[in-house]
């Protein structure tokens, strides 16, 4: 593993996994409702799984709320800077894989970075709705204290990149209805979106590489990129 720093703040770094990428580069973005209590190590199992499959994996840390200096738009700025700092393999695909708040950031980054695809696992797609519904113990209001449509993937459609959205219908952290609405809007806007809704699956099973939900993402990747 190697570490790249893309700024002077403690949270501005990327951990790189994999020395001989044959598939391409995968950017990982962890969840945790943008709160400082959660960090990039949530994605370590997926980093190991994708690295073993031949991807160069860039597991991204970023500034968060609750004692860090993150929020809107600083957190997205960090993600864009981190992606720009990673040396990608020429001629090979790039994918962004995000979970929850990381899924939100992966989708928001897509129009600027133009990855080959985005995999968004139980993503936050509508920040004001999340705030209104009291999700994340008030995190949405802390992340976005003043209204800004640019902070939600739902209001920035079309994103212009292929997307896989995976969401369990037993998710109480980010209800699956958020993804249902997002997918309908994204398809109406012309985006290429595959939606996999999984019965009985909660918020965290989708990031366990040993569990069945992640295999949907691996199969989709194989179908797209071999």
C-alpha atoms as a PDB file:
ATOM      1  CA  UNK A   1       0.000   0.000   0.000  1.00  0.00           C
ATOM      2  CA  UNK A   2       1.129   3.538  -0.829  1.00  0.00           C
ATOM      3  CA  UNK A   3      -0.205   6.869   0.419  1.00  0.00           C
ATOM      4  CA  UNK A   4      -0.679  10.010  -1.662  1.00  0.00           C
ATOM      5  CA  UNK A   5      -1.366  13.348   0.007  1.00  0.00           C
ATOM      6  CA  UNK A   6      -3.368  15.812  -2.082  1.00  0.00           C
ATOM      7  CA  UNK A   7      -3.541  18.662   0.447  1.00  0.00           C
ATOM      8  CA  UNK A   8      -2.268  19.910   3.776  1.00  0.00           C
ATOM      9  CA  UNK A   9      -5.242  18.894   5.949  1.00  0.00           C
ATOM     10  CA  UNK A  10      -4.943  15.623   7.929  1.00  0.00           C
ATOM     11  CA  UNK A  11      -7.859  14.047   6.042  1.00  0.00           C
ATOM     12  CA  UNK A  12      -6.556  14.867   2.570  1.00  0.00           C
ATOM     13  CA  UNK A  13      -4.931  11.611   1.519  1.00  0.00           C
ATOM     14  CA  UNK A  14      -5.455   8.510  -0.607  1.00  0.00           C
ATOM     15  CA  UNK A  15      -4.358   4.936   0.061  1.00  0.00           C
ATOM     16  CA  UNK A  16      -3.360   3.025  -3.088  1.00  0.00           C
ATOM     17  CA  UNK A  17      -3.734  -0.758  -3.263  1.00  0.00           C
ATOM     18  CA  UNK A  18      -2.430  -2.948  -6.078  1.00  0.00           C
ATOM     19  CA  UNK A  19       0.877  -2.742  -7.913  1.00  0.00           C
ATOM     20  CA  UNK A  20       0.112  -4.219 -11.322  1.00  0.00           C
ATOM     21  CA  UNK A  21      -3.313  -3.081 -12.517  1.00  0.00           C
ATOM     22  CA  UNK A  22      -4.624  -4.951 -15.522  1.00  0.00           C
ATOM     23  CA  UNK A  23      -8.276  -3.892 -15.235  1.00  0.00           C
ATOM     24  CA  UNK A  24      -8.014  -0.162 -14.588  1.00  0.00           C
ATOM     25  CA  UNK A  25      -8.354   2.218 -11.645  1.00  0.00           C
ATOM     26  CA  UNK A  26     -11.089   2.084  -9.015  1.00  0.00           C
ATOM     27  CA  UNK A  27     -11.733   5.102  -6.795  1.00  0.00           C
ATOM     28  CA  UNK A  28     -13.378   4.129  -3.494  1.00  0.00           C
ATOM     29  CA  UNK A  29     -15.427   6.574  -1.426  1.00  0.00           C
ATOM     30  CA  UNK A  30     -16.589   5.566   2.033  1.00  0.00           C
ATOM     31  CA  UNK A  31     -19.845   6.482   3.728  1.00  0.00           C
ATOM     32  CA  UNK A  32     -20.762   7.540   7.230  1.00  0.00           C
ATOM     33  CA  UNK A  33     -23.059  10.522   6.504  1.00  0.00           C
ATOM     34  CA  UNK A  34     -19.987  12.691   5.895  1.00  0.00           C
ATOM     35  CA  UNK A  35     -19.195  12.470   9.619  1.00  0.00           C
ATOM     36  CA  UNK A  36     -15.646  12.321  10.988  1.00  0.00           C
ATOM     37  CA  UNK A  37     -16.466   9.236  13.077  1.00  0.00           C
ATOM     38  CA  UNK A  38     -16.224   7.063   9.935  1.00  0.00           C
ATOM     39  CA  UNK A  39     -13.156   6.829   7.734  1.00  0.00           C
ATOM     40  CA  UNK A  40     -11.774   5.175   4.626  1.00  0.00           C
ATOM     41  CA  UNK A  41     -11.137   1.885   6.417  1.00  0.00           C
ATOM     42  CA  UNK A  42     -14.822   1.062   5.942  1.00  0.00           C
ATOM     43  CA  UNK A  43     -13.829   0.291   2.345  1.00  0.00           C
ATOM     44  CA  UNK A  44     -10.714  -1.807   3.097  1.00  0.00           C
ATOM     45  CA  UNK A  45     -12.479  -5.123   2.328  1.00  0.00           C
ATOM     46  CA  UNK A  46     -13.672  -3.842  -1.051  1.00  0.00           C
ATOM     47  CA  UNK A  47     -10.211  -2.426  -1.739  1.00  0.00           C
ATOM     48  CA  UNK A  48      -8.702  -5.862  -1.146  1.00  0.00           C
ATOM     49  CA  UNK A  49     -11.322  -7.544  -3.321  1.00  0.00           C
ATOM     50  CA  UNK A  50     -10.892  -5.174  -6.267  1.00  0.00           C
ATOM     51  CA  UNK A  51      -7.111  -5.173  -5.911  1.00  0.00           C
ATOM     52  CA  UNK A  52      -7.076  -8.965  -6.109  1.00  0.00           C
ATOM     53  CA  UNK A  53      -9.196  -8.711  -9.268  1.00  0.00           C
ATOM     54  CA  UNK A  54      -6.545  -6.602 -10.994  1.00  0.00           C
ATOM     55  CA  UNK A  55      -7.669  -3.041 -10.279  1.00  0.00           C
ATOM     56  CA  UNK A  56      -5.469  -0.246  -8.969  1.00  0.00           C
ATOM     57  CA  UNK A  57      -7.569   0.861  -6.008  1.00  0.00           C
ATOM     58  CA  UNK A  58      -7.489   4.434  -4.725  1.00  0.00           C
ATOM     59  CA  UNK A  59      -9.235   4.489  -1.344  1.00  0.00           C
ATOM     60  CA  UNK A  60      -9.976   8.164  -0.747  1.00  0.00           C
ATOM     61  CA  UNK A  61     -10.152  10.031   2.532  1.00  0.00           C
ATOM     62  CA  UNK A  62     -11.719  13.475   2.577  1.00  0.00           C
ATOM     63  CA  UNK A  63     -12.638  16.254   4.988  1.00  0.00           C
ATOM     64  CA  UNK A  64     -15.830  15.534   6.903  1.00  0.00           C
ATOM     65  CA  UNK A  65     -18.151  17.291   9.355  1.00  0.00           C
ATOM     66  CA  UNK A  66     -18.188  16.976  13.190  1.00  0.00           C
ATOM     67  CA  UNK A  67     -14.774  18.344  14.085  1.00  0.00           C
ATOM     68  CA  UNK A  68     -13.194  18.173  10.651  1.00  0.00           C
ATOM     69  CA  UNK A  69     -13.285  21.057   8.153  1.00  0.00           C
ATOM     70  CA  UNK A  70     -15.560  19.375   5.624  1.00  0.00           C
ATOM     71  CA  UNK A  71     -19.075  20.063   4.433  1.00  0.00           C
ATOM     72  CA  UNK A  72     -20.411  21.554   1.251  1.00  0.00           C
ATOM     73  CA  UNK A  73     -18.598  22.190  -1.077  1.00  0.00           C
ATOM     74  CA  UNK A  74     -15.233  21.422   0.565  1.00  0.00           C
ATOM     75  CA  UNK A  75     -15.831  17.664   0.740  1.00  0.00           C
ATOM     76  CA  UNK A  76     -16.563  17.379  -2.974  1.00  0.00           C
ATOM     77  CA  UNK A  77     -13.569  19.613  -3.704  1.00  0.00           C
ATOM     78  CA  UNK A  78     -11.429  17.098  -1.806  1.00  0.00           C
ATOM     79  CA  UNK A  79     -12.787  14.171  -3.814  1.00  0.00           C
ATOM     80  CA  UNK A  80     -12.058  15.905  -7.109  1.00  0.00           C
ATOM     81  CA  UNK A  81      -8.546  16.835  -5.968  1.00  0.00           C
ATOM     82  CA  UNK A  82      -7.883  13.299  -4.758  1.00  0.00           C
ATOM     83  CA  UNK A  83      -8.974  11.761  -8.044  1.00  0.00           C
ATOM     84  CA  UNK A  84      -6.775  14.184  -9.971  1.00  0.00           C
ATOM     85  CA  UNK A  85      -3.770  13.232  -7.822  1.00  0.00           C
ATOM     86  CA  UNK A  86      -3.975   9.497  -8.578  1.00  0.00           C
ATOM     87  CA  UNK A  87      -1.872   8.270 -11.531  1.00  0.00           C
ATOM     88  CA  UNK A  88      -4.271   6.205 -13.645  1.00  0.00           C
ATOM     89  CA  UNK A  89      -3.206   3.568 -16.162  1.00  0.00           C
ATOM     90  CA  UNK A  90      -3.439   4.945 -19.688  1.00  0.00           C
ATOM     91  CA  UNK A  91      -5.992   3.243 -21.895  1.00  0.00           C
ATOM     92  CA  UNK A  92      -7.697   1.387 -19.021  1.00  0.00           C
ATOM     93  CA  UNK A  93     -11.098   2.200 -17.504  1.00  0.00           C
ATOM     94  CA  UNK A  94     -11.677   4.192 -14.349  1.00  0.00           C
ATOM     95  CA  UNK A  95     -14.574   3.504 -12.026  1.00  0.00           C
ATOM     96  CA  UNK A  96     -15.873   5.303  -8.959  1.00  0.00           C
ATOM     97  CA  UNK A  97     -17.356   3.118  -6.229  1.00  0.00           C
ATOM     98  CA  UNK A  98     -19.122   4.827  -3.338  1.00  0.00           C
ATOM     99  CA  UNK A  99     -21.268   3.755  -0.409  1.00  0.00           C
ATOM    100  CA  UNK A 100     -23.919   5.932   1.251  1.00  0.00           C
ATOM    101  CA  UNK A 101     -22.364   9.422   1.547  1.00  0.00           C
ATOM    102  CA  UNK A 102     -19.538   8.069  -0.591  1.00  0.00           C
ATOM    103  CA  UNK A 103     -22.110   7.066  -3.189  1.00  0.00           C
ATOM    104  CA  UNK A 104     -23.373  10.639  -3.111  1.00  0.00           C
ATOM    105  CA  UNK A 105     -19.845  11.935  -3.701  1.00  0.00           C
ATOM    106  CA  UNK A 106     -19.115   9.422  -6.473  1.00  0.00           C
ATOM    107  CA  UNK A 107     -22.223  10.546  -8.357  1.00  0.00           C
ATOM    108  CA  UNK A 108     -21.487  14.245  -7.808  1.00  0.00           C
ATOM    109  CA  UNK A 109     -17.908  13.846  -9.042  1.00  0.00           C
ATOM    110  CA  UNK A 110     -18.901  12.009 -12.208  1.00  0.00           C
ATOM    111  CA  UNK A 111     -19.692  15.002 -14.478  1.00  0.00           C
ATOM    112  CA  UNK A 112     -16.292  16.550 -13.729  1.00  0.00           C
ATOM    113  CA  UNK A 113     -14.112  13.438 -13.665  1.00  0.00           C
ATOM    114  CA  UNK A 114     -15.963  11.450 -16.367  1.00  0.00           C
ATOM    115  CA  UNK A 115     -15.102   7.964 -15.075  1.00  0.00           C
ATOM    116  CA  UNK A 116     -15.940   5.010 -17.273  1.00  0.00           C
ATOM    117  CA  UNK A 117     -18.688   4.085 -14.797  1.00  0.00           C
ATOM    118  CA  UNK A 118     -20.010   4.726 -11.290  1.00  0.00           C
ATOM    119  CA  UNK A 119     -21.120   2.061  -8.828  1.00  0.00           C
ATOM    120  CA  UNK A 120     -23.200   3.642  -6.087  1.00  0.00           C
ATOM    121  CA  UNK A 121     -24.160   1.469  -3.121  1.00  0.00           C
ATOM    122  CA  UNK A 122     -27.133   2.683  -1.049  1.00  0.00           C
ATOM    123  CA  UNK A 123     -26.368   6.284  -2.038  1.00  0.00           C
ATOM    124  CA  UNK A 124     -27.610   9.562  -0.658  1.00  0.00           C
ATOM    125  CA  UNK A 125     -29.080  11.234  -3.745  1.00  0.00           C
ATOM    126  CA  UNK A 126     -31.182  14.078  -2.319  1.00  0.00           C
ATOM    127  CA  UNK A 127     -29.603  16.002   0.569  1.00  0.00           C
ATOM    128  CA  UNK A 128     -32.607  18.254   1.384  1.00  0.00           C
ATOM    129  CA  UNK A 129     -34.940  15.254   1.442  1.00  0.00           C
ATOM    130  CA  UNK A 130     -32.543  13.434   3.751  1.00  0.00           C
ATOM    131  CA  UNK A 131     -32.540  16.455   6.055  1.00  0.00           C
ATOM    132  CA  UNK A 132     -36.335  16.743   5.988  1.00  0.00           C
ATOM    133  CA  UNK A 133     -36.687  13.050   6.869  1.00  0.00           C
ATOM    134  CA  UNK A 134     -34.226  13.337   9.752  1.00  0.00           C
ATOM    135  CA  UNK A 135     -31.820  10.780   8.317  1.00  0.00           C
ATOM    136  CA  UNK A 136     -28.257  10.466   9.556  1.00  0.00           C
ATOM    137  CA  UNK A 137     -29.074  12.035  12.936  1.00  0.00           C
ATOM    138  CA  UNK A 138     -29.105  15.513  11.411  1.00  0.00           C
ATOM    139  CA  UNK A 139     -25.980  15.063   9.290  1.00  0.00           C
ATOM    140  CA  UNK A 140     -27.560  16.378   6.090  1.00  0.00           C
ATOM    141  CA  UNK A 141     -28.270  19.772   7.633  1.00  0.00           C
ATOM    142  CA  UNK A 142     -24.721  19.991   8.966  1.00  0.00           C
ATOM    143  CA  UNK A 143     -23.270  19.030   5.588  1.00  0.00           C
ATOM    144  CA  UNK A 144     -25.475  21.515   3.714  1.00  0.00           C
ATOM    145  CA  UNK A 145     -26.503  24.353   6.055  1.00  0.00           C
ATOM    146  CA  UNK A 146     -27.705  26.570   3.187  1.00  0.00           C
ATOM    147  CA  UNK A 147     -29.744  25.377   0.174  1.00  0.00           C
ATOM    148  CA  UNK A 148     -27.776  24.609  -2.976  1.00  0.00           C
ATOM    149  CA  UNK A 149     -29.208  22.378  -5.739  1.00  0.00           C
ATOM    150  CA  UNK A 150     -25.670  21.488  -6.862  1.00  0.00           C
ATOM    151  CA  UNK A 151     -25.184  19.454  -3.661  1.00  0.00           C
ATOM    152  CA  UNK A 152     -27.557  16.647  -4.722  1.00  0.00           C
ATOM    153  CA  UNK A 153     -27.020  14.201  -7.613  1.00  0.00           C
ATOM    154  CA  UNK A 154     -30.782  14.207  -8.190  1.00  0.00           C
ATOM    155  CA  UNK A 155     -30.707  17.858  -9.233  1.00  0.00           C
ATOM    156  CA  UNK A 156     -27.588  17.572 -11.423  1.00  0.00           C
ATOM    157  CA  UNK A 157     -28.905  15.058 -13.924  1.00  0.00           C
ATOM    158  CA  UNK A 158     -27.926  13.881 -16.439  1.00  0.00           C
ATOM    159  CA  UNK A 159     -24.503  12.853 -15.152  1.00  0.00           C
ATOM    160  CA  UNK A 160     -23.426  11.469 -18.504  1.00  0.00           C
ATOM    161  CA  UNK A 161     -21.749   8.249 -17.316  1.00  0.00           C
ATOM    162  CA  UNK A 162     -23.044   4.669 -16.925  1.00  0.00           C
ATOM    163  CA  UNK A 163     -24.219   3.945 -13.410  1.00  0.00           C
ATOM    164  CA  UNK A 164     -25.044   0.924 -11.281  1.00  0.00           C
ATOM    165  CA  UNK A 165     -27.197   1.639  -8.230  1.00  0.00           C
ATOM    166  CA  UNK A 166     -27.433  -1.164  -5.656  1.00  0.00           C
ATOM    167  CA  UNK A 167     -29.791  -0.758  -2.704  1.00  0.00           C
ATOM    168  CA  UNK A 168     -31.433  -3.096  -0.214  1.00  0.00           C
ATOM    169  CA  UNK A 169     -35.101  -2.740   0.633  1.00  0.00           C
ATOM    170  CA  UNK A 170     -34.357  -3.333   4.345  1.00  0.00           C
ATOM    171  CA  UNK A 171     -32.114  -0.247   4.521  1.00  0.00           C
ATOM    172  CA  UNK A 172     -33.222   2.104   7.308  1.00  0.00           C
ATOM    173  CA  UNK A 173     -30.187   4.414   7.096  1.00  0.00           C
ATOM    174  CA  UNK A 174     -30.955   5.482   3.520  1.00  0.00           C
ATOM    175  CA  UNK A 175     -34.390   4.167   2.478  1.00  0.00           C
ATOM    176  CA  UNK A 176     -34.491   2.433  -0.901  1.00  0.00           C
ATOM    177  CA  UNK A 177     -37.217   4.793  -2.092  1.00  0.00           C
ATOM    178  CA  UNK A 178     -34.522   7.459  -2.461  1.00  0.00           C
ATOM    179  CA  UNK A 179     -32.750   5.327  -5.056  1.00  0.00           C
ATOM    180  CA  UNK A 180     -35.999   4.420  -6.779  1.00  0.00           C
ATOM    181  CA  UNK A 181     -36.769   8.090  -7.325  1.00  0.00           C
ATOM    182  CA  UNK A 182     -33.234   8.882  -8.400  1.00  0.00           C
ATOM    183  CA  UNK A 183     -33.103   6.049 -10.934  1.00  0.00           C
ATOM    184  CA  UNK A 184     -36.406   7.075 -12.482  1.00  0.00           C
ATOM    185  CA  UNK A 185     -35.214  10.686 -12.809  1.00  0.00           C
ATOM    186  CA  UNK A 186     -31.790   9.688 -14.142  1.00  0.00           C
ATOM    187  CA  UNK A 187     -33.269   7.446 -16.810  1.00  0.00           C
ATOM    188  CA  UNK A 188     -35.745  10.146 -17.802  1.00  0.00           C
ATOM    189  CA  UNK A 189     -32.793  12.533 -18.184  1.00  0.00           C
ATOM    190  CA  UNK A 190     -31.077  10.079 -20.542  1.00  0.00           C
ATOM    191  CA  UNK A 191     -28.512   8.451 -18.248  1.00  0.00           C
ATOM    192  CA  UNK A 192     -27.571   4.779 -18.616  1.00  0.00           C
ATOM    193  CA  UNK A 193     -28.575   3.421 -15.202  1.00  0.00           C
ATOM    194  CA  UNK A 194     -28.809  -0.173 -13.978  1.00  0.00           C
ATOM    195  CA  UNK A 195     -30.765  -0.539 -10.740  1.00  0.00           C
ATOM    196  CA  UNK A 196     -30.484  -3.598  -8.506  1.00  0.00           C
ATOM    197  CA  UNK A 197     -32.901  -3.614  -5.574  1.00  0.00           C
ATOM    198  CA  UNK A 198     -32.155  -6.414  -3.122  1.00  0.00           C
ATOM    199  CA  UNK A 199     -34.850  -7.872  -0.858  1.00  0.00           C
ATOM    200  CA  UNK A 200     -34.014  -8.135   2.823  1.00  0.00           C
ATOM    201  CA  UNK A 201     -30.640  -6.376   2.489  1.00  0.00           C
ATOM    202  CA  UNK A 202     -29.658  -3.606   4.910  1.00  0.00           C
ATOM    203  CA  UNK A 203     -27.338  -0.609   4.601  1.00  0.00           C
ATOM    204  CA  UNK A 204     -24.008  -2.319   5.285  1.00  0.00           C
ATOM    205  CA  UNK A 205     -24.294  -5.699   3.590  1.00  0.00           C
ATOM    206  CA  UNK A 206     -23.649  -4.036   0.226  1.00  0.00           C
ATOM    207  CA  UNK A 207     -20.006  -3.336   1.182  1.00  0.00           C
ATOM    208  CA  UNK A 208     -19.177  -6.865   2.346  1.00  0.00           C
ATOM    209  CA  UNK A 209     -17.246  -8.533  -0.497  1.00  0.00           C
ATOM    210  CA  UNK A 210     -17.972 -11.969   0.961  1.00  0.00           C
ATOM    211  CA  UNK A 211     -21.718 -11.383   0.804  1.00  0.00           C
ATOM    212  CA  UNK A 212     -24.107 -11.797  -2.117  1.00  0.00           C
ATOM    213  CA  UNK A 213     -25.035  -8.105  -2.661  1.00  0.00           C
ATOM    214  CA  UNK A 214     -21.493  -7.125  -3.723  1.00  0.00           C
ATOM    215  CA  UNK A 215     -21.452  -9.909  -6.293  1.00  0.00           C
ATOM    216  CA  UNK A 216     -24.015  -7.972  -8.321  1.00  0.00           C
ATOM    217  CA  UNK A 217     -21.469  -5.178  -8.638  1.00  0.00           C
ATOM    218  CA  UNK A 218     -18.662  -7.571  -9.537  1.00  0.00           C
ATOM    219  CA  UNK A 219     -20.821  -9.205 -12.224  1.00  0.00           C
ATOM    220  CA  UNK A 220     -21.769  -5.812 -13.642  1.00  0.00           C
ATOM    221  CA  UNK A 221     -18.103  -4.806 -13.741  1.00  0.00           C
ATOM    222  CA  UNK A 222     -17.145  -8.018 -15.520  1.00  0.00           C
ATOM    223  CA  UNK A 223     -19.923  -7.547 -18.068  1.00  0.00           C
ATOM    224  CA  UNK A 224     -18.832  -3.982 -18.750  1.00  0.00           C
ATOM    225  CA  UNK A 225     -15.067  -4.291 -18.641  1.00  0.00           C
ATOM    226  CA  UNK A 226     -14.153  -7.963 -18.789  1.00  0.00           C
END
